[in-house]
C-alpha atoms as a PDB file:
ATOM      1  CA  MET A   1     -95.336  12.088   3.413  1.00  0.00           C
ATOM      2  CA  LYS A   2     -94.214  11.397   6.945  1.00  0.00           C
ATOM      3  CA  LEU A   3     -91.377   9.305   8.351  1.00  0.00           C
ATOM      4  CA  ASN A   4     -92.144   6.973  11.212  1.00  0.00           C
ATOM      5  CA  LYS A   5     -90.092   7.377  14.396  1.00  0.00           C
ATOM      6  CA  ASN A   6     -87.492   4.709  13.561  1.00  0.00           C
ATOM      7  CA  ALA A   7     -87.102   5.895   9.963  1.00  0.00           C
ATOM      8  CA  SER A   8     -86.631   9.455  11.195  1.00  0.00           C
ATOM      9  CA  GLU A   9     -83.913   8.284  13.607  1.00  0.00           C
ATOM     10  CA  ILE A  10     -82.156   6.370  10.822  1.00  0.00           C
ATOM     11  CA  LEU A  11     -82.205   9.457   8.604  1.00  0.00           C
ATOM     12  CA  GLU A  12     -80.910  11.688  11.422  1.00  0.00           C
ATOM     13  CA  ARG A  13     -78.019   9.286  12.167  1.00  0.00           C
ATOM     14  CA  TYR A  14     -77.141   9.193   8.469  1.00  0.00           C
ATOM     15  CA  LEU A  15     -77.163  12.982   8.245  1.00  0.00           C
ATOM     16  CA  LEU A  16     -75.099  13.222  11.438  1.00  0.00           C
ATOM     17  CA  GLY A  17     -72.505  10.957   9.829  1.00  0.00           C
ATOM     18  CA  ILE A  18     -72.383  13.267   6.822  1.00  0.00           C
ATOM     19  CA  ARG A  19     -72.196  16.360   9.059  1.00  0.00           C
ATOM     20  CA  ARG A  20     -69.236  14.882  10.964  1.00  0.00           C
ATOM     21  CA  ALA A  21     -67.393  13.995   7.752  1.00  0.00           C
ATOM     22  CA  LEU A  22     -67.783  17.475   6.249  1.00  0.00           C
ATOM     23  CA  THR A  23     -65.769  20.548   7.093  1.00  0.00           C
ATOM     24  CA  GLY A  24     -66.039  24.149   6.075  1.00  0.00           C
ATOM     25  CA  LYS A  25     -68.556  26.913   5.973  1.00  0.00           C
ATOM     26  CA  LYS A  26     -71.008  25.153   3.652  1.00  0.00           C
ATOM     27  CA  ARG A  27     -71.408  22.060   5.846  1.00  0.00           C
ATOM     28  CA  GLU A  28     -74.988  22.770   6.978  1.00  0.00           C
ATOM     29  CA  TYR A  29     -76.047  23.808   3.489  1.00  0.00           C
ATOM     30  CA  ILE A  30     -74.706  20.559   2.019  1.00  0.00           C
ATOM     31  CA  VAL A  31     -76.413  18.465   4.715  1.00  0.00           C
ATOM     32  CA  LYS A  32     -79.745  20.226   4.034  1.00  0.00           C
ATOM     33  CA  GLU A  33     -79.371  19.613   0.289  1.00  0.00           C
ATOM     34  CA  ILE A  34     -78.636  15.918   0.853  1.00  0.00           C
ATOM     35  CA  GLU A  35     -81.598  15.634   3.215  1.00  0.00           C
ATOM     36  CA  SER A  36     -83.807  17.302   0.626  1.00  0.00           C
ATOM     37  CA  SER A  37     -82.550  14.910  -2.045  1.00  0.00           C
ATOM     38  CA  ILE A  38     -83.275  11.891   0.159  1.00  0.00           C
ATOM     39  CA  LEU A  39     -86.787  13.103   0.926  1.00  0.00           C
ATOM     40  CA  ASP A  40     -87.402  13.769  -2.783  1.00  0.00           C
ATOM     41  CA  GLN A  41     -86.302  10.229  -3.650  1.00  0.00           C
ATOM     42  CA  LEU A  42     -88.584   8.810  -0.986  1.00  0.00           C
ATOM     43  CA  GLU A  43     -91.468  10.870  -2.339  1.00  0.00           C
ATOM     44  CA  GLU A  44     -90.842   9.603  -5.878  1.00  0.00           C
ATOM     45  CA  ARG A  45     -90.621   5.965  -4.804  1.00  0.00           C
ATOM     46  CA  CYS A  46     -93.505   5.962  -2.360  1.00  0.00           C
ATOM     47  CA  PRO A  47     -96.046   8.484  -3.610  1.00  0.00           C
ATOM     48  CA  ASP A  48     -98.986   6.637  -2.072  1.00  0.00           C
ATOM     49  CA  SER A  49     -97.396   5.914   1.312  1.00  0.00           C
ATOM     50  CA  SER A  50     -98.706   7.936   4.194  1.00  0.00           C
ATOM     51  CA  GLU A  51     -95.751   6.900   6.340  1.00  0.00           C
ATOM     52  CA  ILE A  52     -92.219   5.924   5.301  1.00  0.00           C
ATOM     53  CA  THR A  53     -90.958   2.716   6.886  1.00  0.00           C
ATOM     54  CA  ASN A  54     -87.490   1.637   7.951  1.00  0.00           C
ATOM     55  CA  ALA A  55     -87.088  -0.612   4.909  1.00  0.00           C
ATOM     56  CA  GLN A  56     -87.925   2.184   2.486  1.00  0.00           C
ATOM     57  CA  ILE A  57     -85.472   4.660   4.048  1.00  0.00           C
ATOM     58  CA  LYS A  58     -82.765   1.994   4.277  1.00  0.00           C
ATOM     59  CA  ASP A  59     -83.161   1.227   0.556  1.00  0.00           C
ATOM     60  CA  VAL A  60     -82.645   4.872  -0.394  1.00  0.00           C
ATOM     61  CA  LEU A  61     -79.726   5.351   2.006  1.00  0.00           C
ATOM     62  CA  GLY A  62     -78.150   2.096   0.824  1.00  0.00           C
ATOM     63  CA  GLU A  63     -78.152   3.368  -2.748  1.00  0.00           C
ATOM     64  CA  MET A  64     -76.582   6.652  -1.691  1.00  0.00           C
ATOM     65  CA  GLY A  65     -73.689   4.865   0.014  1.00  0.00           C
ATOM     66  CA  SER A  66     -71.962   5.439   3.308  1.00  0.00           C
ATOM     67  CA  PRO A  67     -72.148   8.927   4.818  1.00  0.00           C
ATOM     68  CA  ARG A  68     -68.359   9.287   4.700  1.00  0.00           C
ATOM     69  CA  LYS A  69     -68.171   8.460   0.980  1.00  0.00           C
ATOM     70  CA  LEU A  70     -71.072  10.744   0.175  1.00  0.00           C
ATOM     71  CA  ALA A  71     -69.497  13.604   2.149  1.00  0.00           C
ATOM     72  CA  ALA A  72     -66.177  13.036   0.357  1.00  0.00           C
ATOM     73  CA  GLN A  73     -67.877  13.973  -2.926  1.00  0.00           C
ATOM     74  CA  PHE A  74     -68.487  17.459  -1.534  1.00  0.00           C
ATOM     75  CA  SER A  75     -65.070  17.926   0.068  1.00  0.00           C
ATOM     76  CA  PRO A  76     -62.076  19.289  -1.800  1.00  0.00           C
ATOM     77  CA  GLN A  77     -59.477  16.727  -2.811  1.00  0.00           C
ATOM     78  CA  ARG A  78     -56.561  16.661  -0.390  1.00  0.00           C
ATOM     79  CA  TYR A  79     -53.017  15.880  -1.452  1.00  0.00           C
ATOM     80  CA  LEU A  80     -49.717  15.523   0.306  1.00  0.00           C
ATOM     81  CA  ILE A  81     -48.200  16.988  -2.853  1.00  0.00           C
ATOM     82  CA  SER A  82     -50.756  18.359  -5.294  1.00  0.00           C
ATOM     83  CA  PRO A  83     -50.586  17.942  -9.065  1.00  0.00           C
ATOM     84  CA  HIS A  84     -49.614  21.614  -9.183  1.00  0.00           C
ATOM     85  CA  PHE A  85     -46.296  20.858  -7.424  1.00  0.00           C
ATOM     86  CA  PHE A  86     -45.808  17.246  -8.497  1.00  0.00           C
ATOM     87  CA  TYR A  87     -43.626  17.975 -11.545  1.00  0.00           C
ATOM     88  CA  ALA A  88     -41.261  20.143  -9.480  1.00  0.00           C
ATOM     89  CA  TYR A  89     -41.259  17.508  -6.730  1.00  0.00           C
ATOM     90  CA  THR A  90     -40.234  14.694  -9.074  1.00  0.00           C
ATOM     91  CA  LEU A  91     -37.645  16.947 -10.722  1.00  0.00           C
ATOM     92  CA  VAL A  92     -36.062  17.753  -7.362  1.00  0.00           C
ATOM     93  CA  LEU A  93     -36.100  14.064  -6.398  1.00  0.00           C
ATOM     94  CA  ARG A  94     -34.406  13.144  -9.689  1.00  0.00           C
ATOM     95  CA  ILE A  95     -31.656  15.621  -8.860  1.00  0.00           C
ATOM     96  CA  VAL A  96     -31.252  15.052  -5.111  1.00  0.00           C
ATOM     97  CA  VAL A  97     -31.257  11.235  -5.038  1.00  0.00           C
ATOM     98  CA  PRO A  98     -28.381  10.764  -7.518  1.00  0.00           C
ATOM     99  CA  VAL A  99     -26.396  13.526  -5.802  1.00  0.00           C
ATOM    100  CA  VAL A 100     -26.824  11.802  -2.431  1.00  0.00           C
ATOM    101  CA  ILE A 101     -25.867   8.424  -3.898  1.00  0.00           C
ATOM    102  CA  GLY A 102     -22.787   9.961  -5.521  1.00  0.00           C
ATOM    103  CA  ALA A 103     -21.761  11.754  -2.334  1.00  0.00           C
ATOM    104  CA  LEU A 104     -22.151   8.606  -0.247  1.00  0.00           C
ATOM    105  CA  LEU A 105     -20.233   6.487  -2.729  1.00  0.00           C
ATOM    106  CA  LEU A 106     -17.486   9.109  -2.861  1.00  0.00           C
ATOM    107  CA  SER A 107     -17.250   9.187   0.940  1.00  0.00           C
ATOM    108  CA  LEU A 108     -17.110   5.382   1.071  1.00  0.00           C
ATOM    109  CA  ILE A 109     -14.366   5.301  -1.574  1.00  0.00           C
ATOM    110  CA  ILE A 110     -12.353   7.987   0.221  1.00  0.00           C
ATOM    111  CA  GLY A 111     -12.820   6.141   3.507  1.00  0.00           C
ATOM    112  CA  THR A 112     -11.574   2.923   1.960  1.00  0.00           C
ATOM    113  CA  ILE A 113      -8.559   4.603   0.321  1.00  0.00           C
ATOM    114  CA  THR A 114      -7.517   6.425   3.471  1.00  0.00           C
ATOM    115  CA  GLY A 115      -7.963   3.298   5.549  1.00  0.00           C
ATOM    116  CA  PHE A 116     -10.809   4.731   7.600  1.00  0.00           C
ATOM    117  CA  SER A 117     -13.166   1.761   7.744  1.00  0.00           C
ATOM    118  CA  ASN A 118     -15.006  -0.082  10.461  1.00  0.00           C
ATOM    119  CA  ASN A 119     -13.530  -3.488   9.519  1.00  0.00           C
ATOM    120  CA  SER A 120     -17.046  -4.862   9.326  1.00  0.00           C
ATOM    121  CA  SER A 121     -17.476  -8.526   8.535  1.00  0.00           C
ATOM    122  CA  LEU A 122     -20.122  -7.664   5.916  1.00  0.00           C
ATOM    123  CA  PRO A 123     -18.834  -4.593   4.030  1.00  0.00           C
ATOM    124  CA  VAL A 124     -21.241  -4.953   1.082  1.00  0.00           C
ATOM    125  CA  LEU A 125     -24.277  -4.947   3.358  1.00  0.00           C
ATOM    126  CA  GLU A 126     -22.876  -1.990   5.264  1.00  0.00           C
ATOM    127  CA  ILE A 127     -22.433  -0.035   2.040  1.00  0.00           C
ATOM    128  CA  LEU A 128     -25.939  -0.934   0.824  1.00  0.00           C
ATOM    129  CA  GLY A 129     -27.377   0.036   4.217  1.00  0.00           C
ATOM    130  CA  LYS A 130     -25.681   3.418   4.136  1.00  0.00           C
ATOM    131  CA  LEU A 131     -26.863   4.051   0.579  1.00  0.00           C
ATOM    132  CA  TRP A 132     -30.432   3.019   1.399  1.00  0.00           C
ATOM    133  CA  ASN A 133     -30.470   5.201   4.507  1.00  0.00           C
ATOM    134  CA  GLY A 134     -29.089   8.199   2.618  1.00  0.00           C
ATOM    135  CA  VAL A 135     -31.533   7.868  -0.277  1.00  0.00           C
ATOM    136  CA  PHE A 136     -34.462   7.334   2.069  1.00  0.00           C
ATOM    137  CA  MET A 137     -33.591  10.348   4.204  1.00  0.00           C
ATOM    138  CA  ALA A 138     -33.054  12.564   1.138  1.00  0.00           C
ATOM    139  CA  ALA A 139     -36.400  11.537  -0.380  1.00  0.00           C
ATOM    140  CA  ALA A 140     -38.152  11.986   2.967  1.00  0.00           C
ATOM    141  CA  SER A 141     -36.664  15.450   3.412  1.00  0.00           C
ATOM    142  CA  VAL A 142     -37.679  16.555  -0.086  1.00  0.00           C
ATOM    143  CA  THR A 143     -41.189  15.177   0.460  1.00  0.00           C
ATOM    144  CA  LEU A 144     -41.469  16.967   3.793  1.00  0.00           C
ATOM    145  CA  VAL A 145     -40.363  20.281   2.292  1.00  0.00           C
ATOM    146  CA  PHE A 146     -42.886  19.983  -0.548  1.00  0.00           C
ATOM    147  CA  ALA A 147     -45.659  18.977   1.874  1.00  0.00           C
ATOM    148  CA  ILE A 148     -44.925  22.090   3.935  1.00  0.00           C
ATOM    149  CA  ILE A 149     -44.966  24.221   0.784  1.00  0.00           C
ATOM    150  CA  GLU A 150     -48.309  22.624  -0.126  1.00  0.00           C
ATOM    151  CA  CYS A 151     -49.808  23.467   3.284  1.00  0.00           C
ATOM    152  CA  VAL A 152     -48.483  27.013   3.350  1.00  0.00           C
ATOM    153  CA  SER A 153     -49.578  27.847  -0.186  1.00  0.00           C
ATOM    154  CA  GLU A 154     -53.038  26.273   0.072  1.00  0.00           C
ATOM    155  CA  GLY A 155     -55.542  28.561  -1.586  1.00  0.00           C
ATOM    156  CA  LYS A 156     -52.877  30.920  -2.943  1.00  0.00           C
ATOM    157  CA  GLU A 157     -52.079  31.372  -6.611  1.00  0.00           C
ATOM    158  CA  ILE A 158     -48.522  30.488  -7.533  1.00  0.00           C
ATOM    159  CA  GLU A 159     -47.018  31.445 -10.868  1.00  0.00           C
END
């Protein structure tokens, strides 16, 4: 079985797309295995063909899907916060967010009692804005800390 020039170019571009999407030490091995699988499928489908055409290679590659999606099957799953840390992450969020809301409400109440206010024309919106900003920043900070922990501990066993 032989691929014509155009079919060979199509296959090489497909494999290049896979090669670019993969990372790691086993990249070339995975690309060779995929190439072997494609050639085996072509051999099964076209046993009597002396030369593989563009249409035949495009049918096989179309069934395999895009190079990026195919390469993703061989890549490890990436997480911002992995399932390993997710329980601790949600637990910390459930603690930090109410504490921040309580602290902000307490500071707003103390500010109102002591007369330290901005005399804003829309005090309710100001209070809601401060609460939203505080909660958002607290959640973002917790997420950032857990993402850093995830990156630093990648590949290490944690008890």
